[in-house]
Amino acid sequence: MIRGKFITLEGVEGVGKTTNLAFIKEHLEKYGIPVVVTREPGGTLLAEKIRHLLLDANSETVTEQAELLMMFAARAQHIKHVIEPALAQGNWVLSDRFTDATYAYQGGGRNMKVSTIEWLEHFVQGHLRPDLTLLLDAPVEIGMARVRNRAVIDRFEAEKVSFFERARRGYLLQMELHPHRIKLIKANQPLVEVQRAITETLRILLR
């Protein structure tokens, strides 16, 4: 059986990942491609429990080290029980965030050592990397304006603008380091233009 493709969708808060995740799934299915949609942190029962702990704005203060380790603990479960089995069965996996988010949020936002993240990435993932990463990018103030309209704000969404500026720079740095894999989609365009750009980029894999 031909192994499936692994696509990830990245970006800071409010750039439209949820809307475009659904669009990508529908687009791929038009080609008869079986798609498994998942998210990080999350994707399995245990990983979703870790997600709740990470996003709970009312829990005890989470240290930067604990946050990083919990992200990778959830990822280990996600890879073992969802991503790898789906790819092996020939499904394409579409994930709302993956390890680039850790480089952006914990590396950039929290100013944690990139070397530590790299070590954990190799330890948890082995050789697994996305085949394509779509980075939805927009000025932070645009995304945060959308977030403020949400009924409930989680622990990350409550961070200061400066945190998200650092996270955005972290994402852009990842794109510079991995231009063959990470493709920039300007998310401050009208939705129809965003999705046109996504469709064009997906042709890389649909060939």
Protein backbone atom coordinates (compact mmCIF):
# COMPACT_ATOMS: atom_id res chain seq x y z
CA MET A 1 0.00 0.00 0.00
CA ILE A 2 1.24 3.49 -0.86
CA ARG A 3 1.95 5.57 2.23
CA GLY A 4 -0.23 8.65 2.66
CA LYS A 5 0.91 12.26 2.79
CA PHE A 6 1.19 14.35 5.96
CA ILE A 7 0.01 17.97 5.73
CA THR A 8 0.09 20.44 8.60
CA LEU A 9 -1.59 23.82 8.96
CA GLU A 10 0.18 26.43 11.08
CA GLY A 11 -0.16 30.05 12.18
CA VAL A 12 -0.75 32.22 15.23
CA GLU A 13 -4.20 32.81 16.69
CA GLY A 14 -7.00 34.12 14.48
CA VAL A 15 -5.50 33.44 11.05
CA GLY A 16 -8.34 31.15 9.92
CA LYS A 17 -6.93 27.67 10.43
CA THR A 18 -10.29 26.09 11.33
CA THR A 19 -12.05 27.43 8.23
CA ASN A 20 -9.24 26.45 5.90
CA LEU A 21 -8.76 23.02 7.46
CA ALA A 22 -12.30 22.16 6.36
CA PHE A 23 -11.62 23.63 2.91
CA ILE A 24 -8.45 21.55 2.44
CA LYS A 25 -10.22 18.35 3.52
CA GLU A 26 -13.03 18.94 1.03
CA HIS A 27 -10.55 19.84 -1.73
CA LEU A 28 -8.52 16.66 -1.25
CA GLU A 29 -11.60 14.47 -1.09
CA LYS A 30 -12.62 15.77 -4.53
CA TYR A 31 -9.58 13.86 -5.80
CA GLY A 32 -10.75 10.70 -4.05
CA ILE A 33 -8.10 11.02 -1.33
CA PRO A 34 -9.05 9.61 2.10
CA VAL A 35 -8.28 12.28 4.71
CA VAL A 36 -7.86 12.00 8.48
CA VAL A 37 -8.24 15.39 10.18
CA THR A 38 -6.65 15.85 13.59
CA ARG A 39 -5.09 18.51 15.81
CA GLU A 40 -2.33 19.31 18.25
CA PRO A 41 -2.14 19.19 21.10
CA GLY A 42 -4.75 16.45 20.95
CA GLY A 43 -5.89 13.73 18.62
CA THR A 44 -6.11 10.89 21.15
CA LEU A 45 -7.93 10.50 24.46
CA LEU A 46 -4.78 11.08 26.52
CA ALA A 47 -3.49 13.86 24.26
CA GLU A 48 -6.84 15.66 24.52
CA LYS A 49 -6.59 15.51 28.31
CA ILE A 50 -3.13 17.07 28.06
CA ARG A 51 -4.59 19.72 25.75
CA HIS A 52 -7.16 20.62 28.39
CA LEU A 53 -4.42 21.02 30.99
CA LEU A 54 -2.34 23.17 28.64
CA LEU A 55 -5.19 25.48 27.61
CA ASP A 56 -6.96 25.83 30.97
CA ALA A 57 -6.59 29.48 31.93
CA ASN A 58 -7.74 28.76 35.50
CA SER A 59 -5.28 26.00 36.45
CA GLU A 60 -2.04 26.36 38.38
CA THR A 61 0.81 28.17 36.68
CA VAL A 62 2.45 25.88 34.11
CA THR A 63 6.23 26.16 33.93
CA GLU A 64 7.85 26.58 30.52
CA GLN A 65 9.60 23.23 30.90
CA ALA A 66 6.36 21.44 31.84
CA GLU A 67 4.56 23.07 28.92
CA LEU A 68 7.20 21.90 26.44
CA LEU A 69 7.28 18.36 27.80
CA MET A 70 3.48 18.11 27.82
CA MET A 71 3.40 19.21 24.18
CA PHE A 72 5.77 16.42 23.21
CA ALA A 73 4.04 13.86 25.46
CA ALA A 74 0.78 14.57 23.63
CA ARG A 75 2.64 14.44 20.31
CA ALA A 76 4.15 11.03 21.10
CA GLN A 77 0.65 9.62 21.67
CA HIS A 78 -0.67 11.38 18.58
CA ILE A 79 2.03 9.96 16.32
CA LYS A 80 1.79 6.42 17.71
CA HIS A 81 -1.98 6.08 17.73
CA VAL A 82 -3.22 8.38 14.95
CA ILE A 83 -0.69 9.78 12.51
CA GLU A 84 1.53 6.79 11.76
CA PRO A 85 -1.33 4.22 11.51
CA ALA A 86 -3.30 6.51 9.19
CA LEU A 87 -0.31 7.18 6.90
CA ALA A 88 0.53 3.47 6.79
CA GLN A 89 -3.03 2.72 5.65
CA GLY A 90 -2.68 5.15 2.74
CA ASN A 91 -4.70 7.96 4.29
CA TRP A 92 -3.57 11.56 4.05
CA VAL A 93 -3.28 13.18 7.48
CA LEU A 94 -4.25 16.83 7.88
CA SER A 95 -3.25 18.26 11.25
CA ASP A 96 -4.11 21.59 12.83
CA ARG A 97 -0.57 22.34 14.12
CA PHE A 98 2.43 20.09 14.66
CA THR A 99 6.05 20.64 15.74
CA ASP A 100 6.49 23.96 13.92
CA ALA A 101 4.04 25.33 16.49
CA THR A 102 6.40 24.24 19.26
CA TYR A 103 9.30 26.08 17.65
CA ALA A 104 7.05 29.15 17.30
CA TYR A 105 5.24 29.17 20.65
CA GLN A 106 7.74 27.59 23.03
CA GLY A 107 10.89 28.53 21.10
CA GLY A 108 9.82 31.99 19.96
CA GLY A 109 7.06 32.94 22.37
CA ARG A 110 8.65 31.47 25.50
CA ASN A 111 12.26 32.05 24.39
CA MET A 112 13.17 28.43 25.08
CA LYS A 113 16.34 26.91 23.65
CA VAL A 114 15.88 25.67 20.11
CA SER A 115 18.44 22.93 20.77
CA THR A 116 16.15 21.48 23.47
CA ILE A 117 13.19 21.44 21.08
CA GLU A 118 15.33 19.84 18.37
CA TRP A 119 16.41 17.07 20.74
CA LEU A 120 12.82 16.33 21.73
CA GLU A 121 11.72 16.45 18.09
CA HIS A 122 14.22 13.75 17.11
CA PHE A 123 13.54 11.72 20.27
CA VAL A 124 9.74 11.68 19.81
CA GLN A 125 9.36 11.78 16.02
CA GLY A 126 12.36 9.94 14.62
CA HIS A 127 12.32 10.72 10.90
CA LEU A 128 8.66 11.74 10.76
CA ARG A 129 8.18 15.23 9.27
CA PRO A 130 5.25 16.74 7.36
CA ASP A 131 5.32 16.45 3.58
CA LEU A 132 3.85 19.95 3.36
CA THR A 133 3.19 22.71 5.87
CA LEU A 134 0.88 25.60 5.04
CA LEU A 135 1.76 28.64 7.15
CA LEU A 136 -1.19 31.02 7.37
CA ASP A 137 0.41 34.36 8.14
CA ALA A 138 -1.10 37.73 9.01
CA PRO A 139 -0.11 40.69 11.19
CA VAL A 140 -0.69 39.78 14.84
CA GLU A 141 -3.14 42.63 15.42
CA ILE A 142 -5.49 41.19 12.78
CA GLY A 143 -5.52 37.75 14.37
CA MET A 144 -5.93 39.11 17.89
CA ALA A 145 -8.89 41.25 16.84
CA ARG A 146 -10.63 38.03 15.75
CA VAL A 147 -9.68 36.23 18.98
CA ARG A 148 -11.18 38.97 21.15
CA ASN A 149 -14.60 38.16 19.71
CA ARG A 150 -14.48 34.61 21.07
CA ALA A 151 -16.69 33.77 24.03
CA VAL A 152 -13.94 31.96 25.95
CA ILE A 153 -10.23 32.79 25.88
CA ASP A 154 -7.74 30.00 26.65
CA ARG A 155 -4.38 30.28 28.39
CA PHE A 156 -2.43 30.94 25.18
CA GLU A 157 -4.95 33.37 23.72
CA ALA A 158 -4.68 35.42 26.91
CA GLU A 159 -0.97 36.09 26.27
CA LYS A 160 0.26 39.59 25.46
CA VAL A 161 0.68 40.81 21.89
CA SER A 162 4.48 40.67 22.29
CA PHE A 163 4.24 36.90 22.86
CA PHE A 164 2.45 36.43 19.54
CA GLU A 165 4.87 38.72 17.75
CA ARG A 166 7.70 36.45 18.90
CA ALA A 167 5.69 33.36 17.93
CA ARG A 168 5.05 34.78 14.46
CA ARG A 169 8.77 35.49 14.03
CA GLY A 170 9.40 31.90 15.15
CA TYR A 171 7.14 30.62 12.40
CA LEU A 172 8.79 32.80 9.76
CA LEU A 173 12.20 31.57 10.88
CA GLN A 174 11.05 27.96 10.46
CA MET A 175 9.90 28.84 6.96
CA GLU A 176 13.35 30.27 6.14
CA LEU A 177 14.99 27.11 7.47
CA HIS A 178 12.64 24.72 5.62
CA PRO A 179 11.51 26.49 2.43
CA HIS A 180 11.03 23.19 0.59
CA ARG A 181 8.34 22.14 3.09
CA ILE A 182 6.80 25.27 4.61
CA LYS A 183 4.81 27.45 2.20
CA LEU A 184 3.54 30.89 3.17
CA ILE A 185 -0.14 31.73 2.66
CA LYS A 186 -1.03 35.39 3.23
CA ALA A 187 -4.04 35.11 5.52
CA ASN A 188 -4.90 38.83 5.56
CA GLN A 189 -6.38 38.53 2.04
CA PRO A 190 -10.07 37.90 1.28
CA LEU A 191 -10.92 34.26 2.01
CA VAL A 192 -11.37 33.42 -1.67
CA GLU A 193 -7.79 34.57 -2.35
CA VAL A 194 -6.45 32.63 0.65
CA GLN A 195 -8.11 29.46 -0.59
CA ARG A 196 -6.93 30.03 -4.15
CA ALA A 197 -3.37 30.21 -2.82
CA ILE A 198 -3.91 27.05 -0.77
CA THR A 199 -5.24 25.20 -3.84
CA GLU A 200 -2.20 26.24 -5.88
CA THR A 201 0.17 25.09 -3.15
CA LEU A 202 -1.54 21.71 -2.75
CA ARG A 203 -0.71 20.95 -6.38
CA ILE A 204 2.82 20.19 -5.15
CA LEU A 205 1.49 16.97 -3.60
CA LEU A 206 -1.38 16.28 -5.99
CA ARG A 207 0.96 15.81 -8.93
